[in-house]
Amino acid sequence: MKPADHLLARPRRATSRILRVASYFFLAIGLFALGYSVYVLVDAHAYQASEQEKFESNLQKGTGRPQLPPPALVEGDVIGEIQVPRLHLKAIVVQGDSHTILRRAVGHIPETALPGEPGNVALAGHRDTFFRPLRNITLGDAITFKTPAGDFQYFVESTQVVPAGKTEVLDATAVPTLTLITCFPFDYFGAAPKRFVVRARELLPSPAQPAPTH
C-alpha cells in the first residue's frame, strides 16, 4: 500500500465507523418508537375495556332507581360513552383534555356544558385513535351520548375545518349542542395545524300532547 493510500484509508474507516454507530442509534430510536406505539395502543384498549365494563355495570345497578344529583366532576372521572353507530365509533368519555386522558379516552373539555345541561357539550379526541372514524361522518348521522343520567341523542348538522387556535367552537350555544373536535388533516404526520369540528344538535323529545277533552 502506498503511503497516500494508507492516509486515505483512515478517514474511510472513521467514516464507516460513524455510519455504523449512527445506523445503530437510529435503529434503537425506531424500535423504541415502535414499542411505545404498541404500548399506547394496548394501554388504551385495556383502559377502554375496563371502564366500559364498569360503566355498563353501574348503568344496570342504577336501573329503576331515582337518580341522585351527580357529584362535582374532577379530571379523570368517567362521564359516559359516546357512540356513532354508522361509523362503529364507541368510546368512553372522561372529564378533562390532558395528553394522558386523550391517549386513553375521549375527553370532555372543561368549562363546556355536560349532557342534559343547556349549551355546548364539547368533546376532544385524537384523529389517529378514537376520533379517526369522524373522517367519514356525514350530515344527519346519529350520535348517542350515554350517561348514568340517561341517553342523549344528537344528529349531525355541520362539519368544518378551522385553525388550531379557533376557540369560538367551544362557545355556549342557544340550543343543546354537541361539538366533537379532532386534529386535521387526518393523515398529517406530526402536530396538525388545523381542527376538524363536528357540530350536532340534541334531538329533544316532543312535548307531551294534552289529553283530549270530551
C-alpha atoms as a PDB file:
ATOM      1  CA  MET A   1       0.000   0.000   0.000  1.00  0.00           C
ATOM      2  CA  LYS A   2       1.272   3.373  -0.911  1.00  0.00           C
ATOM      3  CA  PRO A   3       1.666   5.972   1.856  1.00  0.00           C
ATOM      4  CA  ALA A   4      -1.061   8.083   0.269  1.00  0.00           C
ATOM      5  CA  ASP A   5      -3.423   5.074   0.248  1.00  0.00           C
ATOM      6  CA  HIS A   6      -2.714   4.449   3.908  1.00  0.00           C
ATOM      7  CA  LEU A   7      -3.571   8.040   4.756  1.00  0.00           C
ATOM      8  CA  LEU A   8      -6.835   7.826   2.809  1.00  0.00           C
ATOM      9  CA  ALA A   9      -7.865   4.581   4.499  1.00  0.00           C
ATOM     10  CA  ARG A  10      -8.040   6.190   7.932  1.00  0.00           C
ATOM     11  CA  PRO A  11     -10.819   8.677   7.041  1.00  0.00           C
ATOM     12  CA  ARG A  12     -12.711   5.881   5.295  1.00  0.00           C
ATOM     13  CA  ARG A  13     -12.574   3.657   8.360  1.00  0.00           C
ATOM     14  CA  ALA A  14     -13.603   6.561  10.591  1.00  0.00           C
ATOM     15  CA  THR A  15     -16.498   7.411   8.291  1.00  0.00           C
ATOM     16  CA  SER A  16     -17.598   3.765   8.177  1.00  0.00           C
ATOM     17  CA  ARG A  17     -17.484   3.583  11.990  1.00  0.00           C
ATOM     18  CA  ILE A  18     -19.558   6.756  12.322  1.00  0.00           C
ATOM     19  CA  LEU A  19     -22.141   5.481   9.857  1.00  0.00           C
ATOM     20  CA  ARG A  20     -22.344   2.156  11.661  1.00  0.00           C
ATOM     21  CA  VAL A  21     -22.854   3.852  15.032  1.00  0.00           C
ATOM     22  CA  ALA A  22     -25.454   6.187  13.520  1.00  0.00           C
ATOM     23  CA  SER A  23     -27.347   3.270  11.993  1.00  0.00           C
ATOM     24  CA  TYR A  24     -27.463   1.504  15.374  1.00  0.00           C
ATOM     25  CA  PHE A  25     -28.622   4.714  17.022  1.00  0.00           C
ATOM     26  CA  PHE A  26     -31.490   5.283  14.587  1.00  0.00           C
ATOM     27  CA  LEU A  27     -32.427   1.606  14.733  1.00  0.00           C
ATOM     28  CA  ALA A  28     -32.691   1.883  18.515  1.00  0.00           C
ATOM     29  CA  ILE A  29     -34.809   5.033  18.197  1.00  0.00           C
ATOM     30  CA  GLY A  30     -37.090   3.293  15.708  1.00  0.00           C
ATOM     31  CA  LEU A  31     -37.512   0.244  17.915  1.00  0.00           C
ATOM     32  CA  PHE A  32     -38.239   2.450  20.915  1.00  0.00           C
ATOM     33  CA  ALA A  33     -40.865   4.418  18.957  1.00  0.00           C
ATOM     34  CA  LEU A  34     -42.464   1.200  17.725  1.00  0.00           C
ATOM     35  CA  GLY A  35     -42.506  -0.254  21.220  1.00  0.00           C
ATOM     36  CA  TYR A  36     -44.026   2.904  22.666  1.00  0.00           C
ATOM     37  CA  SER A  37     -46.729   2.956  19.970  1.00  0.00           C
ATOM     38  CA  VAL A  38     -47.644  -0.645  20.760  1.00  0.00           C
ATOM     39  CA  TYR A  39     -47.731   0.162  24.479  1.00  0.00           C
ATOM     40  CA  VAL A  40     -50.030   3.153  23.883  1.00  0.00           C
ATOM     41  CA  LEU A  41     -52.460   1.086  21.801  1.00  0.00           C
ATOM     42  CA  VAL A  42     -52.531  -1.795  24.286  1.00  0.00           C
ATOM     43  CA  ASP A  43     -52.915   0.550  27.261  1.00  0.00           C
ATOM     44  CA  ALA A  44     -55.760   2.474  25.595  1.00  0.00           C
ATOM     45  CA  HIS A  45     -57.564  -0.747  24.643  1.00  0.00           C
ATOM     46  CA  ALA A  46     -57.229  -2.147  28.157  1.00  0.00           C
ATOM     47  CA  TYR A  47     -58.441   1.111  29.719  1.00  0.00           C
ATOM     48  CA  GLN A  48     -61.455   1.304  27.410  1.00  0.00           C
ATOM     49  CA  ALA A  49     -62.424  -2.317  28.054  1.00  0.00           C
ATOM     50  CA  SER A  50     -62.122  -1.923  31.819  1.00  0.00           C
ATOM     51  CA  GLU A  51     -64.026   1.372  32.010  1.00  0.00           C
ATOM     52  CA  GLN A  52     -66.769   0.221  29.640  1.00  0.00           C
ATOM     53  CA  GLU A  53     -67.354  -2.848  31.812  1.00  0.00           C
ATOM     54  CA  LYS A  54     -67.571  -0.661  34.934  1.00  0.00           C
ATOM     55  CA  PHE A  55     -69.831   1.858  33.183  1.00  0.00           C
ATOM     56  CA  GLU A  56     -72.271  -0.763  31.909  1.00  0.00           C
ATOM     57  CA  SER A  57     -72.322  -2.433  35.324  1.00  0.00           C
ATOM     58  CA  ASN A  58     -73.132   0.882  37.009  1.00  0.00           C
ATOM     59  CA  LEU A  59     -75.926   1.527  34.499  1.00  0.00           C
ATOM     60  CA  GLN A  60     -77.501  -1.834  35.281  1.00  0.00           C
ATOM     61  CA  LYS A  61     -77.256  -1.225  39.016  1.00  0.00           C
ATOM     62  CA  GLY A  62     -78.944   2.149  38.632  1.00  0.00           C
ATOM     63  CA  THR A  63     -81.861   0.898  36.512  1.00  0.00           C
ATOM     64  CA  GLY A  64     -85.148   1.711  38.168  1.00  0.00           C
ATOM     65  CA  ARG A  65     -83.587   3.762  40.956  1.00  0.00           C
ATOM     66  CA  PRO A  66     -84.075   7.503  41.378  1.00  0.00           C
ATOM     67  CA  GLN A  67     -81.091   9.440  40.080  1.00  0.00           C
ATOM     68  CA  LEU A  68     -79.092  11.294  42.711  1.00  0.00           C
ATOM     69  CA  PRO A  69     -77.541  14.662  41.863  1.00  0.00           C
ATOM     70  CA  PRO A  70     -74.194  13.916  40.174  1.00  0.00           C
ATOM     71  CA  PRO A  71     -71.095  14.748  42.229  1.00  0.00           C
ATOM     72  CA  ALA A  72     -68.780  17.516  41.096  1.00  0.00           C
ATOM     73  CA  LEU A  73     -66.536  16.147  38.363  1.00  0.00           C
ATOM     74  CA  VAL A  74     -62.766  16.111  38.697  1.00  0.00           C
ATOM     75  CA  GLU A  75     -60.229  15.412  35.990  1.00  0.00           C
ATOM     76  CA  GLY A  76     -60.191  11.730  35.093  1.00  0.00           C
ATOM     77  CA  ASP A  77     -63.783  10.968  36.106  1.00  0.00           C
ATOM     78  CA  VAL A  78     -65.715   8.858  33.607  1.00  0.00           C
ATOM     79  CA  ILE A  79     -68.764  10.762  32.312  1.00  0.00           C
ATOM     80  CA  GLY A  80     -70.229   8.247  29.913  1.00  0.00           C
ATOM     81  CA  GLU A  81     -69.860   6.689  26.492  1.00  0.00           C
ATOM     82  CA  ILE A  82     -70.167   8.199  23.024  1.00  0.00           C
ATOM     83  CA  GLN A  83     -71.454   6.136  20.121  1.00  0.00           C
ATOM     84  CA  VAL A  84     -71.760   6.829  16.396  1.00  0.00           C
ATOM     85  CA  PRO A  85     -73.373   3.584  15.204  1.00  0.00           C
ATOM     86  CA  ARG A  86     -72.899   4.107  11.456  1.00  0.00           C
ATOM     87  CA  LEU A  87     -69.149   4.638  11.926  1.00  0.00           C
ATOM     88  CA  HIS A  88     -68.783   1.886  14.554  1.00  0.00           C
ATOM     89  CA  LEU A  89     -67.369   4.531  16.873  1.00  0.00           C
ATOM     90  CA  LYS A  90     -67.708   3.704  20.555  1.00  0.00           C
ATOM     91  CA  ALA A  91     -65.538   5.220  23.289  1.00  0.00           C
ATOM     92  CA  ILE A  92     -65.550   6.108  26.962  1.00  0.00           C
ATOM     93  CA  VAL A  93     -65.696   9.845  27.702  1.00  0.00           C
ATOM     94  CA  VAL A  94     -63.602  11.200  30.583  1.00  0.00           C
ATOM     95  CA  GLN A  95     -63.539  14.623  32.220  1.00  0.00           C
ATOM     96  CA  GLY A  96     -60.533  16.660  31.031  1.00  0.00           C
ATOM     97  CA  ASP A  97     -58.454  17.107  27.903  1.00  0.00           C
ATOM     98  CA  SER A  98     -54.893  16.421  29.081  1.00  0.00           C
ATOM     99  CA  HIS A  99     -52.465  14.386  26.986  1.00  0.00           C
ATOM    100  CA  THR A 100     -52.832  11.395  29.310  1.00  0.00           C
ATOM    101  CA  ILE A 101     -56.641  11.448  29.113  1.00  0.00           C
ATOM    102  CA  LEU A 102     -56.763  11.817  25.321  1.00  0.00           C
ATOM    103  CA  ARG A 103     -54.316   8.942  24.962  1.00  0.00           C
ATOM    104  CA  ARG A 104     -56.793   6.611  26.679  1.00  0.00           C
ATOM    105  CA  ALA A 105     -60.244   8.081  26.009  1.00  0.00           C
ATOM    106  CA  VAL A 106     -62.323  10.868  24.534  1.00  0.00           C
ATOM    107  CA  GLY A 107     -62.045  13.964  26.713  1.00  0.00           C
ATOM    108  CA  HIS A 108     -64.790  16.340  27.836  1.00  0.00           C
ATOM    109  CA  ILE A 109     -63.405  19.860  27.569  1.00  0.00           C
ATOM    110  CA  PRO A 110     -63.716  21.624  30.938  1.00  0.00           C
ATOM    111  CA  GLU A 111     -65.906  24.722  31.171  1.00  0.00           C
ATOM    112  CA  THR A 112     -68.283  23.401  28.491  1.00  0.00           C
ATOM    113  CA  ALA A 113     -71.737  22.010  29.238  1.00  0.00           C
ATOM    114  CA  LEU A 114     -72.464  18.444  30.282  1.00  0.00           C
ATOM    115  CA  PRO A 115     -75.166  16.279  28.680  1.00  0.00           C
ATOM    116  CA  GLY A 116     -78.560  17.388  29.932  1.00  0.00           C
ATOM    117  CA  GLU A 117     -77.394  20.951  30.548  1.00  0.00           C
ATOM    118  CA  PRO A 118     -78.200  23.839  28.218  1.00  0.00           C
ATOM    119  CA  GLY A 119     -75.399  24.936  25.932  1.00  0.00           C
ATOM    120  CA  ASN A 120     -72.496  23.307  24.139  1.00  0.00           C
ATOM    121  CA  VAL A 121     -71.076  19.908  25.161  1.00  0.00           C
ATOM    122  CA  ALA A 122     -67.539  19.800  23.673  1.00  0.00           C
ATOM    123  CA  LEU A 123     -65.501  16.601  23.330  1.00  0.00           C
ATOM    124  CA  ALA A 124     -61.958  16.138  22.013  1.00  0.00           C
ATOM    125  CA  GLY A 125     -60.294  13.012  20.661  1.00  0.00           C
ATOM    126  CA  HIS A 126     -57.178  12.029  18.737  1.00  0.00           C
ATOM    127  CA  ARG A 127     -57.513  11.759  14.973  1.00  0.00           C
ATOM    128  CA  ASP A 128     -55.424   8.577  14.856  1.00  0.00           C
ATOM    129  CA  THR A 129     -57.369   6.670  17.524  1.00  0.00           C
ATOM    130  CA  PHE A 130     -60.895   7.203  18.860  1.00  0.00           C
ATOM    131  CA  PHE A 131     -61.982  10.013  16.511  1.00  0.00           C
ATOM    132  CA  ARG A 132     -60.407   8.662  13.331  1.00  0.00           C
ATOM    133  CA  PRO A 133     -63.826   7.400  12.090  1.00  0.00           C
ATOM    134  CA  LEU A 134     -65.026  11.022  12.034  1.00  0.00           C
ATOM    135  CA  ARG A 135     -63.315  11.447   8.664  1.00  0.00           C
ATOM    136  CA  ASN A 136     -66.318   9.596   7.206  1.00  0.00           C
ATOM    137  CA  ILE A 137     -69.079  11.341   9.148  1.00  0.00           C
ATOM    138  CA  THR A 138     -71.960  12.849   7.182  1.00  0.00           C
ATOM    139  CA  LEU A 139     -74.776  15.277   7.873  1.00  0.00           C
ATOM    140  CA  GLY A 140     -77.691  13.614   9.621  1.00  0.00           C
ATOM    141  CA  ASP A 141     -75.593  10.926  11.307  1.00  0.00           C
ATOM    142  CA  ALA A 142     -76.911   9.919  14.715  1.00  0.00           C
ATOM    143  CA  ILE A 143     -74.755  10.276  17.831  1.00  0.00           C
ATOM    144  CA  THR A 144     -75.622   8.877  21.252  1.00  0.00           C
ATOM    145  CA  PHE A 145     -74.036  10.073  24.486  1.00  0.00           C
ATOM    146  CA  LYS A 146     -74.820   7.531  27.216  1.00  0.00           C
ATOM    147  CA  THR A 147     -74.537   8.700  30.826  1.00  0.00           C
ATOM    148  CA  PRO A 148     -75.828   7.488  34.201  1.00  0.00           C
ATOM    149  CA  ALA A 149     -78.463  10.238  33.925  1.00  0.00           C
ATOM    150  CA  GLY A 150     -79.775   8.838  30.639  1.00  0.00           C
ATOM    151  CA  ASP A 151     -79.045   8.606  26.925  1.00  0.00           C
ATOM    152  CA  PHE A 152     -78.807  11.833  24.930  1.00  0.00           C
ATOM    153  CA  GLN A 153     -79.437  11.692  21.197  1.00  0.00           C
ATOM    154  CA  TYR A 154     -77.903  14.099  18.661  1.00  0.00           C
ATOM    155  CA  PHE A 155     -77.878  14.435  14.888  1.00  0.00           C
ATOM    156  CA  VAL A 156     -75.032  15.974  12.889  1.00  0.00           C
ATOM    157  CA  GLU A 157     -75.840  19.417  11.489  1.00  0.00           C
ATOM    158  CA  SER A 158     -72.463  20.531  10.120  1.00  0.00           C
ATOM    159  CA  THR A 159     -68.738  19.863   9.808  1.00  0.00           C
ATOM    160  CA  GLN A 160     -65.959  22.375   9.307  1.00  0.00           C
ATOM    161  CA  VAL A 161     -62.179  22.731   9.316  1.00  0.00           C
ATOM    162  CA  VAL A 162     -60.801  25.592  11.416  1.00  0.00           C
ATOM    163  CA  PRO A 163     -57.354  26.830  12.516  1.00  0.00           C
ATOM    164  CA  ALA A 164     -55.988  25.207  15.664  1.00  0.00           C
ATOM    165  CA  GLY A 165     -56.381  28.392  17.688  1.00  0.00           C
ATOM    166  CA  LYS A 166     -60.032  28.994  16.841  1.00  0.00           C
ATOM    167  CA  THR A 167     -61.677  28.556  20.253  1.00  0.00           C
ATOM    168  CA  GLU A 168     -65.044  30.019  19.246  1.00  0.00           C
ATOM    169  CA  VAL A 169     -66.262  26.482  18.533  1.00  0.00           C
ATOM    170  CA  LEU A 170     -66.328  25.998  22.330  1.00  0.00           C
ATOM    171  CA  ASP A 171     -68.653  28.935  22.952  1.00  0.00           C
ATOM    172  CA  ALA A 172     -72.018  28.315  24.573  1.00  0.00           C
ATOM    173  CA  THR A 173     -74.948  27.786  22.226  1.00  0.00           C
ATOM    174  CA  ALA A 174     -78.586  28.774  22.459  1.00  0.00           C
ATOM    175  CA  VAL A 175     -79.774  25.186  21.958  1.00  0.00           C
ATOM    176  CA  PRO A 176     -78.358  21.941  23.392  1.00  0.00           C
ATOM    177  CA  THR A 177     -75.418  21.096  21.146  1.00  0.00           C
ATOM    178  CA  LEU A 178     -72.648  18.521  20.916  1.00  0.00           C
ATOM    179  CA  THR A 179     -69.294  19.537  19.416  1.00  0.00           C
ATOM    180  CA  LEU A 180     -66.647  16.952  18.501  1.00  0.00           C
ATOM    181  CA  ILE A 181     -63.103  18.185  17.842  1.00  0.00           C
ATOM    182  CA  THR A 182     -60.071  16.396  16.439  1.00  0.00           C
ATOM    183  CA  CYS A 183     -56.871  17.328  14.615  1.00  0.00           C
ATOM    184  CA  PHE A 184     -56.821  17.789  10.838  1.00  0.00           C
ATOM    185  CA  PRO A 185     -55.705  16.631   8.287  1.00  0.00           C
ATOM    186  CA  PHE A 186     -56.369  13.072   9.430  1.00  0.00           C
ATOM    187  CA  ASP A 187     -53.273  11.709   7.647  1.00  0.00           C
ATOM    188  CA  TYR A 188     -50.952  14.540   8.683  1.00  0.00           C
ATOM    189  CA  PHE A 189     -47.645  13.495  10.259  1.00  0.00           C
ATOM    190  CA  GLY A 190     -46.811  15.409  13.429  1.00  0.00           C
ATOM    191  CA  ALA A 191     -48.708  18.232  15.111  1.00  0.00           C
ATOM    192  CA  ALA A 192     -51.595  19.010  12.750  1.00  0.00           C
ATOM    193  CA  PRO A 193     -52.198  22.709  12.001  1.00  0.00           C
ATOM    194  CA  LYS A 194     -55.991  22.590  11.872  1.00  0.00           C
ATOM    195  CA  ARG A 195     -59.020  21.132  13.632  1.00  0.00           C
ATOM    196  CA  PHE A 196     -61.933  19.147  12.255  1.00  0.00           C
ATOM    197  CA  VAL A 197     -65.154  20.137  14.012  1.00  0.00           C
ATOM    198  CA  VAL A 198     -68.438  18.225  14.031  1.00  0.00           C
ATOM    199  CA  ARG A 199     -71.483  20.110  15.277  1.00  0.00           C
ATOM    200  CA  ALA A 200     -74.584  18.128  16.284  1.00  0.00           C
ATOM    201  CA  ARG A 201     -77.885  19.226  17.787  1.00  0.00           C
ATOM    202  CA  GLU A 202     -79.664  17.343  20.550  1.00  0.00           C
ATOM    203  CA  LEU A 203     -82.816  15.575  19.476  1.00  0.00           C
ATOM    204  CA  LEU A 204     -85.215  16.701  22.175  1.00  0.00           C
ATOM    205  CA  PRO A 205     -88.323  14.659  22.974  1.00  0.00           C
ATOM    206  CA  SER A 206     -91.564  16.013  21.600  1.00  0.00           C
ATOM    207  CA  PRO A 207     -93.629  17.895  24.163  1.00  0.00           C
ATOM    208  CA  ALA A 208     -96.442  15.858  25.624  1.00  0.00           C
ATOM    209  CA  GLN A 209     -99.768  16.440  23.903  1.00  0.00           C
ATOM    210  CA  PRO A 210    -102.682  17.446  26.152  1.00  0.00           C
ATOM    211  CA  ALA A 211    -105.209  14.717  26.662  1.00  0.00           C
ATOM    212  CA  PRO A 212    -108.334  15.216  24.525  1.00  0.00           C
ATOM    213  CA  THR A 213    -111.337  16.593  26.365  1.00  0.00           C
ATOM    214  CA  HIS A 214    -114.845  15.208  25.862  1.00  0.00           C
END
